[in-house]
Protein backbone atom coordinates (compact mmCIF):
# COMPACT_ATOMS: atom_id res chain seq x y z
CA MET A 1 85.06 24.66 52.77
CA HIS A 2 83.13 22.99 56.10
CA PRO A 3 85.32 21.92 58.71
CA ASP A 4 84.54 18.50 58.70
CA SER A 5 85.13 18.40 54.69
CA TYR A 6 88.19 20.22 55.43
CA VAL A 7 89.62 17.56 58.22
CA ARG A 8 88.47 14.57 56.25
CA ASN A 9 90.53 15.75 53.15
CA ILE A 10 93.52 16.29 55.01
CA ALA A 11 93.11 13.13 56.62
CA GLY A 12 92.79 11.17 53.08
CA GLU A 13 95.65 12.97 51.47
CA ALA A 14 97.89 12.19 54.84
CA LEU A 15 96.73 8.23 54.31
CA GLY A 16 97.56 8.77 50.78
CA ARG A 17 100.76 9.62 51.19
CA LEU A 18 101.68 7.22 53.86
CA CYS A 19 100.53 4.35 51.56
CA SER A 20 102.78 6.06 48.31
CA SER A 21 105.94 5.99 50.57
CA SER A 22 105.22 2.47 52.31
CA GLY A 23 105.34 0.01 49.68
CA ASN A 24 102.35 -2.17 48.04
CA SER A 25 102.25 -4.70 51.14
CA PHE A 26 100.87 -1.93 53.03
CA THR A 27 98.99 -0.19 50.58
CA THR A 28 96.87 -3.51 49.61
CA ALA A 29 96.34 -3.99 53.47
CA GLU A 30 95.04 -0.40 53.78
CA VAL A 31 92.65 -0.67 50.99
CA ASN A 32 91.33 -3.76 52.10
CA TYR A 33 90.96 -2.45 55.56
CA LEU A 34 88.78 0.45 54.07
CA VAL A 35 86.43 -1.55 51.78
CA ASP A 36 85.83 -3.63 55.03
CA GLN A 37 84.73 -0.64 56.98
CA ILE A 38 82.73 0.48 54.01
CA VAL A 39 80.88 -2.66 54.15
CA SER A 40 80.53 -3.15 57.71
CA ASN A 41 80.03 0.44 58.82
CA ARG A 42 76.48 1.82 57.94
CA GLU A 43 77.36 5.13 59.46
CA PRO A 44 77.25 7.89 57.04
CA ASN A 45 80.34 10.04 57.99
CA ALA A 46 82.42 6.79 58.31
CA ARG A 47 81.51 5.47 54.97
CA SER A 48 82.24 9.24 53.53
CA GLY A 49 85.65 9.24 55.07
CA CYS A 50 86.66 5.68 53.92
CA ALA A 51 85.70 6.68 50.27
CA VAL A 52 87.69 10.25 50.36
CA ALA A 53 90.68 7.79 51.73
CA LEU A 54 90.68 5.67 48.71
CA GLY A 55 90.27 8.59 46.41
CA CYS A 56 93.64 10.13 47.94
CA ILE A 57 95.06 6.64 47.88
CA HIS A 58 94.64 6.17 44.42
CA SER A 59 95.67 9.66 43.48
CA GLN A 60 98.58 9.61 45.45
CA LEU A 61 100.06 6.30 44.30
CA GLY A 62 100.10 6.90 40.34
CA GLY A 63 101.33 4.85 37.78
CA MET A 64 101.19 1.03 37.92
CA ALA A 65 100.64 0.65 41.58
CA ALA A 66 97.46 2.69 41.20
CA GLY A 67 96.27 0.71 38.50
CA TYR A 68 96.53 -2.48 40.50
CA HIS A 69 94.07 -0.94 42.99
CA LEU A 70 91.88 0.55 40.11
CA LYS A 71 89.30 -1.90 39.54
CA ASN A 72 88.52 -2.51 43.21
CA ILE A 73 88.48 1.28 44.40
CA LEU A 74 86.26 1.99 41.53
CA GLY A 75 83.68 -0.74 42.26
CA ILE A 76 83.23 0.44 45.78
CA LEU A 77 82.82 4.14 44.79
CA MET A 78 80.21 3.32 42.37
CA SER A 79 78.41 1.48 44.60
CA LEU A 80 78.49 4.21 47.28
CA GLY A 81 77.92 6.84 44.67
CA ASN A 82 74.35 5.19 44.47
CA ASP A 83 73.94 5.40 48.05
CA PRO A 84 70.87 7.73 48.88
CA HIS A 85 72.50 9.50 51.79
CA PRO A 86 73.80 12.98 50.55
CA THR A 87 77.36 12.78 52.45
CA VAL A 88 78.11 9.57 51.32
CA HIS A 89 77.06 9.66 47.61
CA PHE A 90 78.57 13.39 47.12
CA TRP A 91 82.04 12.23 48.90
CA ALA A 92 81.84 9.20 46.84
CA LEU A 93 81.62 11.06 43.29
CA GLU A 94 84.23 13.48 44.77
CA SER A 95 86.77 10.71 45.04
CA LEU A 96 85.30 9.12 41.70
CA SER A 97 86.56 12.34 39.63
CA ARG A 98 89.84 12.21 41.70
CA VAL A 99 90.37 8.71 40.67
CA ALA A 100 89.56 9.45 36.80
CA ASP A 101 92.03 12.73 37.16
CA SER A 102 94.85 10.55 38.48
CA ALA A 103 94.07 7.24 36.42
CA GLY A 104 94.57 9.09 33.02
CA LEU A 105 94.34 6.39 30.15
CA THR A 106 93.93 3.62 32.34
CA PHE A 107 90.43 4.67 33.10
CA SER A 108 89.14 4.67 29.59
CA GLY A 109 88.47 1.40 29.79
CA TYR A 110 85.71 2.24 32.77
CA VAL A 111 84.19 5.68 30.74
CA SER A 112 81.24 4.28 29.37
CA SER A 113 79.92 2.64 32.47
CA THR A 114 80.88 5.59 34.38
CA LEU A 115 78.85 7.92 32.12
CA GLY A 116 75.81 5.62 32.31
CA MET A 117 76.21 5.52 36.07
CA LEU A 118 76.56 9.45 36.32
CA ALA A 119 73.53 9.90 33.86
CA GLN A 120 71.19 7.81 36.02
CA LEU A 121 72.39 9.66 39.14
CA TYR A 122 71.67 12.93 37.73
CA VAL A 123 67.84 12.12 37.34
CA ALA A 124 67.59 10.34 40.43
CA ASP A 125 65.15 11.46 42.93
CA THR A 126 67.78 10.37 45.69
CA HIS A 127 70.61 12.71 44.28
CA ASN A 128 68.17 15.78 44.01
CA ASN A 129 67.73 18.50 46.44
CA GLU A 130 64.06 19.06 45.56
CA SER A 131 63.03 15.25 46.26
CA GLY A 132 65.22 14.75 49.17
CA SER A 133 64.13 13.55 52.43
CA LEU A 134 63.63 15.78 55.43
CA ALA A 135 66.40 14.52 57.21
CA SER A 136 68.55 14.89 54.41
CA SER A 137 67.62 17.98 52.59
CA ASN A 138 69.97 20.39 53.74
CA LEU A 139 72.72 18.20 53.33
CA GLU A 140 71.77 17.98 49.67
CA VAL A 141 71.85 21.75 49.43
CA ASP A 142 75.63 21.88 51.17
CA LEU A 143 76.77 18.96 49.12
CA PRO A 144 74.88 19.36 45.71
CA SER A 145 74.84 16.07 43.83
CA PRO A 146 74.68 17.83 40.52
CA ALA A 147 77.77 20.01 40.99
CA VAL A 148 79.99 16.66 41.79
CA ILE A 149 78.22 14.82 38.77
CA ALA A 150 79.16 17.65 36.55
CA ARG A 151 82.96 17.57 38.20
CA CYS A 152 82.95 13.53 37.27
CA ILE A 153 81.85 14.36 33.71
CA ASP A 154 84.85 16.76 33.35
CA SER A 155 87.13 14.27 34.34
CA THR A 156 86.08 11.76 32.07
CA ILE A 157 86.34 14.23 29.17
CA ASN A 158 90.21 14.56 30.14
CA VAL A 159 90.65 11.22 30.47
CA LEU A 160 89.23 10.74 26.58
CA GLY A 161 90.77 13.80 25.20
CA PRO A 162 90.74 13.76 21.58
CA ASP A 163 89.68 10.18 21.31
CA LEU A 164 86.20 11.88 21.78
CA GLN A 165 86.07 12.82 18.41
CA ASP A 166 85.86 9.24 17.15
CA MET A 167 83.44 8.03 20.50
CA THR A 168 80.34 9.27 19.29
CA LYS A 169 77.97 7.58 22.13
CA ALA A 170 80.07 8.87 24.63
CA ARG A 171 80.70 12.41 23.01
CA ASP A 172 76.71 12.35 22.50
CA MET A 173 76.00 11.34 26.53
CA ILE A 174 78.34 14.43 27.50
CA MET A 175 77.19 16.89 25.29
CA THR A 176 73.44 15.91 26.36
CA LEU A 177 74.58 16.18 30.22
CA ILE A 178 76.23 19.48 29.85
CA ARG A 179 72.91 21.07 27.92
CA GLU A 180 70.96 19.75 31.23
CA PHE A 181 73.81 21.30 33.44
CA GLN A 182 73.40 24.78 31.93
CA VAL A 183 69.84 25.49 33.49
CA GLU A 184 71.12 24.39 36.70
CA GLU A 185 72.67 26.76 39.67
CA LYS A 186 75.76 28.77 39.95
CA LEU A 187 77.71 25.57 41.03
CA VAL A 188 76.53 23.47 38.47
CA MET A 189 77.27 26.13 35.75
CA ILE A 190 80.59 26.51 36.88
CA GLU A 191 81.40 22.89 36.49
CA SER A 192 79.65 22.98 33.33
CA LEU A 193 81.91 25.83 31.65
CA LYS A 194 84.86 23.84 32.59
CA CYS A 195 83.14 20.63 30.59
CA GLN A 196 82.60 23.11 27.59
CA GLU A 197 86.22 24.62 27.92
CA HIS A 198 88.05 21.06 27.60
CA LEU A 199 85.19 19.83 25.28
CA SER A 200 86.20 22.76 23.06
CA LEU A 201 89.77 21.74 23.18
CA TYR A 202 89.37 17.96 22.28
CA ALA A 203 86.45 18.03 19.86
CA PRO A 204 85.86 21.53 18.62
CA GLY A 205 84.23 20.54 15.43
CA HIS A 206 81.33 18.76 17.36
CA MET A 207 80.17 21.74 19.68
CA GLU A 208 78.13 24.34 18.41
CA PHE A 209 80.43 27.07 18.03
CA ALA A 210 78.37 30.34 17.97
CA ALA A 211 76.20 29.14 21.01
CA TYR A 212 79.35 28.51 22.80
CA VAL A 213 81.08 32.09 22.15
CA ARG A 214 77.85 33.77 22.66
CA GLN A 215 77.43 32.05 25.99
CA LEU A 216 80.95 32.88 27.23
CA GLN A 217 80.09 36.72 25.81
CA LYS A 218 76.93 36.53 28.17
CA ASP A 219 78.82 35.10 31.28
CA ILE A 220 81.57 37.06 31.28
CA GLU A 221 79.48 39.96 32.46
CA SER A 222 78.22 37.60 35.25
CA ASP A 223 77.65 38.90 38.73
CA SER A 224 79.37 35.59 39.86
CA ALA A 225 83.18 36.27 39.76
CA GLN A 226 83.73 32.45 39.55
CA ILE A 227 81.22 32.20 36.25
CA ARG A 228 83.19 35.44 34.88
CA ASP A 229 86.41 34.20 35.42
CA MET A 230 85.49 30.65 33.98
CA ALA A 231 84.00 32.58 30.71
CA ILE A 232 87.66 34.24 30.51
CA ASP A 233 89.18 31.33 30.77
CA GLY A 234 86.86 29.60 27.51
CA LEU A 235 87.41 33.00 25.73
CA HIS A 236 91.33 32.46 26.14
CA ASN A 237 91.36 29.02 25.06
CA LEU A 238 89.10 29.80 21.81
CA MET A 239 91.12 33.03 20.93
CA ARG A 240 94.33 31.59 21.31
CA ARG A 241 93.60 29.42 18.23
CA ASP A 242 91.90 31.92 16.09
CA ALA A 243 90.83 35.58 17.93
CA GLU A 244 89.33 36.82 14.70
CA GLU A 245 86.90 34.03 14.07
CA VAL A 246 85.82 34.46 17.77
CA ILE A 247 85.46 38.35 17.35
CA ARG A 248 83.25 37.64 14.31
CA THR A 249 81.02 34.94 15.68
CA ALA A 250 80.27 36.84 18.69
CA GLU A 251 77.50 39.40 19.01
CA PRO A 252 78.59 43.03 18.45
CA GLY A 253 80.56 44.54 21.17
CA LEU A 254 82.58 41.68 22.65
CA GLU A 255 85.68 43.85 22.19
CA ASP A 256 84.24 46.46 24.30
CA GLN A 257 83.30 44.14 26.60
CA LEU A 258 86.29 42.59 27.24
CA TRP A 259 87.96 46.18 27.87
CA LEU A 260 85.38 46.83 30.37
CA VAL A 261 85.78 43.69 32.22
CA PHE A 262 89.39 44.57 32.21
CA ASN A 263 88.81 47.65 33.72
CA THR A 264 86.80 45.97 36.44
CA VAL A 265 89.57 43.47 37.23
CA SER A 266 92.44 45.11 35.76
CA GLU A 267 94.94 42.39 37.45
CA HIS A 268 93.35 39.47 35.54
CA GLU A 269 96.22 37.96 34.01
CA VAL A 270 93.92 35.43 31.51
CA LEU A 271 92.08 38.85 30.12
CA ARG A 272 95.91 40.62 29.31
CA ASN A 273 96.89 37.02 27.84
CA ILE A 274 93.89 37.00 25.53
CA ILE A 275 94.82 40.58 24.56
CA ARG A 276 98.15 39.70 23.98
CA ASN A 277 97.59 36.83 21.83
CA TRP A 278 95.06 38.78 19.66
CA LEU A 279 97.76 41.15 19.36
CA HIS A 280 100.40 38.82 17.97
CA GLN A 281 98.03 36.99 15.69
CA THR A 282 96.73 40.03 13.90
CA GLY A 283 98.98 42.78 14.55
CA LEU A 284 101.07 42.89 11.40
CA SER A 285 97.76 42.05 9.20
CA ASN A 286 95.93 44.54 11.02
CA THR A 287 98.17 47.20 12.02
CA ALA A 288 96.21 50.58 11.69
CA THR A 289 93.29 48.72 13.14
CA TRP A 290 95.37 48.19 16.26
CA VAL A 291 96.59 51.73 16.50
CA GLN A 292 93.02 52.73 16.37
CA ARG A 293 92.36 50.15 19.14
CA CYS A 294 95.21 51.36 21.34
CA HIS A 295 93.57 55.09 20.97
CA THR A 296 90.11 54.11 21.43
CA VAL A 297 91.14 52.52 24.70
CA LEU A 298 93.26 55.63 26.04
CA THR A 299 90.37 58.16 24.94
CA LYS A 300 87.28 55.58 26.44
CA THR A 301 85.11 57.16 28.79
CA MET A 302 82.56 56.19 31.33
CA ARG A 303 79.78 57.40 33.25
CA ARG A 304 80.40 57.98 36.85
CA THR A 305 77.01 58.64 38.93
CA ASP A 306 77.58 60.01 42.66
CA GLN A 307 74.24 59.74 44.61
CA SER A 308 73.89 61.34 48.07
CA THR A 309 72.32 58.77 50.42
CA THR A 310 70.47 60.66 52.90
CA ALA A 311 69.91 64.26 53.76
CA THR A 312 71.94 64.34 57.09
CA GLU A 313 74.97 63.63 54.87
CA LYS A 314 74.44 66.62 52.66
CA LYS A 315 77.43 68.62 52.59
CA PRO A 316 76.80 72.36 53.14
CA LYS A 317 76.54 74.07 49.63
CA ASP A 318 79.39 76.66 50.37
CA VAL A 319 81.94 74.00 51.05
CA PRO A 320 81.93 71.43 47.97
CA ASP A 321 83.56 68.14 48.09
CA LEU A 322 85.47 68.20 44.73
CA GLN A 323 88.27 65.51 44.00
CA ASP A 324 90.15 68.09 41.81
CA GLU A 325 89.94 71.12 39.61
CA GLU A 326 88.75 69.40 36.31
CA VAL A 327 85.76 67.86 38.45
CA ALA A 328 84.95 71.32 39.57
CA GLY A 329 85.11 73.18 36.56
CA PHE A 330 82.51 70.40 35.17
CA ALA A 331 80.38 70.94 38.23
CA ALA A 332 80.21 74.73 38.20
CA SER A 333 79.17 74.60 34.30
CA SER A 334 76.42 72.43 34.69
CA SER A 335 74.71 73.82 37.50
CA GLY A 336 73.25 77.47 37.55
CA PRO A 337 73.35 79.70 40.52
CA GLY A 338 70.35 78.88 42.94
CA ASP A 339 70.20 75.54 41.57
CA ASP A 340 69.66 72.79 44.48
CA THR A 341 71.13 69.55 43.34
CA GLY A 342 71.54 67.91 46.83
CA SER A 343 69.46 65.35 46.11
CA ILE A 344 69.92 64.61 42.60
CA PRO A 345 72.67 62.13 41.16
CA GLN A 346 75.80 64.24 40.02
CA SER A 347 77.33 62.36 36.71
CA SER A 348 80.58 62.96 35.28
CA GLN A 349 82.84 61.20 32.83
CA GLU A 350 86.07 59.48 33.67
CA LEU A 351 88.73 57.52 31.76
CA LEU A 352 89.40 53.90 32.25
CA LYS A 353 91.27 52.98 34.97
CA TRP A 354 95.26 53.84 34.68
CA GLN A 355 96.24 50.09 34.87
CA VAL A 356 94.07 49.72 31.59
CA ARG A 357 95.56 52.52 29.75
CA THR A 358 99.13 51.55 30.92
CA PHE A 359 98.48 48.09 29.27
CA ALA A 360 96.97 49.52 26.18
CA MET A 361 100.17 51.71 25.78
CA ASP A 362 102.27 48.09 26.25
CA CYS A 363 100.37 46.74 23.60
CA LEU A 364 101.19 49.71 21.18
CA ASN A 365 104.90 49.36 22.31
CA GLU A 366 104.73 45.44 21.32
CA LEU A 367 103.22 46.36 17.97
CA LEU A 368 105.98 48.68 16.92
CA ARG A 369 108.33 46.47 18.03
CA MET A 370 106.78 43.66 15.66
CA VAL A 371 106.58 46.02 12.97
CA SER A 372 110.29 47.18 13.52
CA ARG A 373 111.34 43.43 13.42
CA GLU A 374 109.43 42.66 10.03
CA ALA A 375 110.36 46.02 8.47
CA ALA A 376 114.40 44.82 9.22
CA SER A 377 113.75 41.62 7.49
CA LYS A 378 111.38 42.63 4.47
CA ASP A 379 111.90 45.40 2.47
CA ASP A 380 108.17 45.76 1.06
CA SER A 381 106.48 45.20 4.44
CA LEU A 382 102.84 46.06 4.44
CA ALA A 383 102.84 46.72 8.37
CA ALA A 384 105.29 49.37 8.13
CA LEU A 385 103.62 50.90 5.22
CA ALA A 386 100.29 50.92 7.13
CA LEU A 387 102.10 52.19 10.55
CA GLN A 388 103.62 55.10 8.45
CA GLN A 389 100.02 56.18 7.24
CA ARG A 390 98.97 56.26 11.16
CA ILE A 391 102.27 57.53 12.46
CA ALA A 392 100.44 60.95 13.38
CA ASP A 393 98.04 59.06 15.40
CA VAL A 394 101.00 57.03 17.44
CA VAL A 395 102.81 60.54 18.09
CA ARG A 396 99.91 62.09 19.28
CA ILE A 397 99.23 58.83 21.36
CA ALA A 398 102.45 58.94 22.74
CA PHE A 399 102.80 62.77 23.67
CA SER A 400 99.52 62.84 25.38
CA ALA A 401 100.59 59.76 27.40
CA SER A 402 104.01 61.79 28.18
CA THR A 403 102.34 64.50 30.03
CA ALA A 404 99.88 62.43 32.14
CA SER A 405 99.62 62.69 35.55
CA VAL A 406 100.43 58.83 35.98
CA VAL A 407 104.08 58.34 36.15
CA GLN A 408 103.36 54.84 34.35
CA LEU A 409 101.85 56.10 31.45
CA ARG A 410 104.50 59.06 31.23
CA ILE A 411 107.42 56.05 30.89
CA ARG A 412 105.18 54.20 28.40
CA GLY A 413 104.55 57.37 26.43
CA LEU A 414 108.14 58.32 26.29
CA ARG A 415 109.14 54.55 25.31
CA ILE A 416 106.98 54.69 22.46
CA ILE A 417 108.73 58.17 21.24
CA ASP A 418 111.63 56.36 20.91
CA GLN A 419 110.11 53.45 19.10
CA VAL A 420 108.90 55.74 16.65
CA LEU A 421 112.32 57.29 16.27
CA LYS A 422 113.81 53.79 15.81
CA VAL A 423 111.20 52.88 13.28
CA LEU A 424 111.47 55.97 11.09
């Protein structure tokens, strides 16, 4: 965040907390003062600072005290949102988003007018970095109006909630804007993914489900960590309702993509929750499939390629830089005497990270617990029967893990062996 923006937000938050603790008369006087400053002071930084302060005051007050000032604050912010100066309209729209979030259902009466204004601003030349004046074009790049407009749309979606299913006009306007956001730059795409995520929660029947799933499937492999994380959040919400439907709807390979992304960011808690929810939904009905899935993750390999950068960085041929005996054996068997492989990429296979394999073992252990609980309560458990048919694979997985070089894997392997003995 730019230093000026940081100071502006801190000052606004401080003023909002002061109003929250000082009573209605002080707040009314402060709101009126800020409105007078906006009307009389034409300096862009001053007007934007007052807009931020108004948004912070409303968000800190909350309840009926905030509702008393909502109409006045909203009118000023919507007026500033039409200001052609990038600094002014960016912070006015940012404050508008904050007001909508804090107002909740109280804001619902202003949704139609707000959506209309946002749609007009989105297509306006004054709010486009390609059409801005020379004096303000750089500011529009630093403070992108389409991104903050998308953020305001997300706030209105959260205000309406499930009522979106009955509000045809507002819903159509929102979905039209979201489609436009998807072809914008990265920051706007991130906000668009937030909009679609919340829209899928409140009005799932009005979305193009297959198109949304495939978009998320594409975005989880994005080079942008923010877009990837937003796509993962979207998949988490969808798969929390029906994981198998999402897998069926997606293009082939979504499961492999999830594990490979997990291998890249192995501490990603949302990815772990996706797989846990999927296990809890389908573990008892697809027990054999989950045993095979865990086995696949534990044995899955990826190609690793090492490339020498320059000739001066080559190691002497008689002193190989090999990381372990297994890699050394692969290297000795793949090169003959007299081969000069110094400038040729050396490739080898490697397993997924031990953190991913450990998590797969945890999933298998949880599967055994689920089957054990069902078998204890039902005499004719289909899950227990399916597990008995694959018990040899489970034992093989457990013994393989119990002899691994990673301590965590060894511990999981021994736990699973103990679970197998209890189930049998």
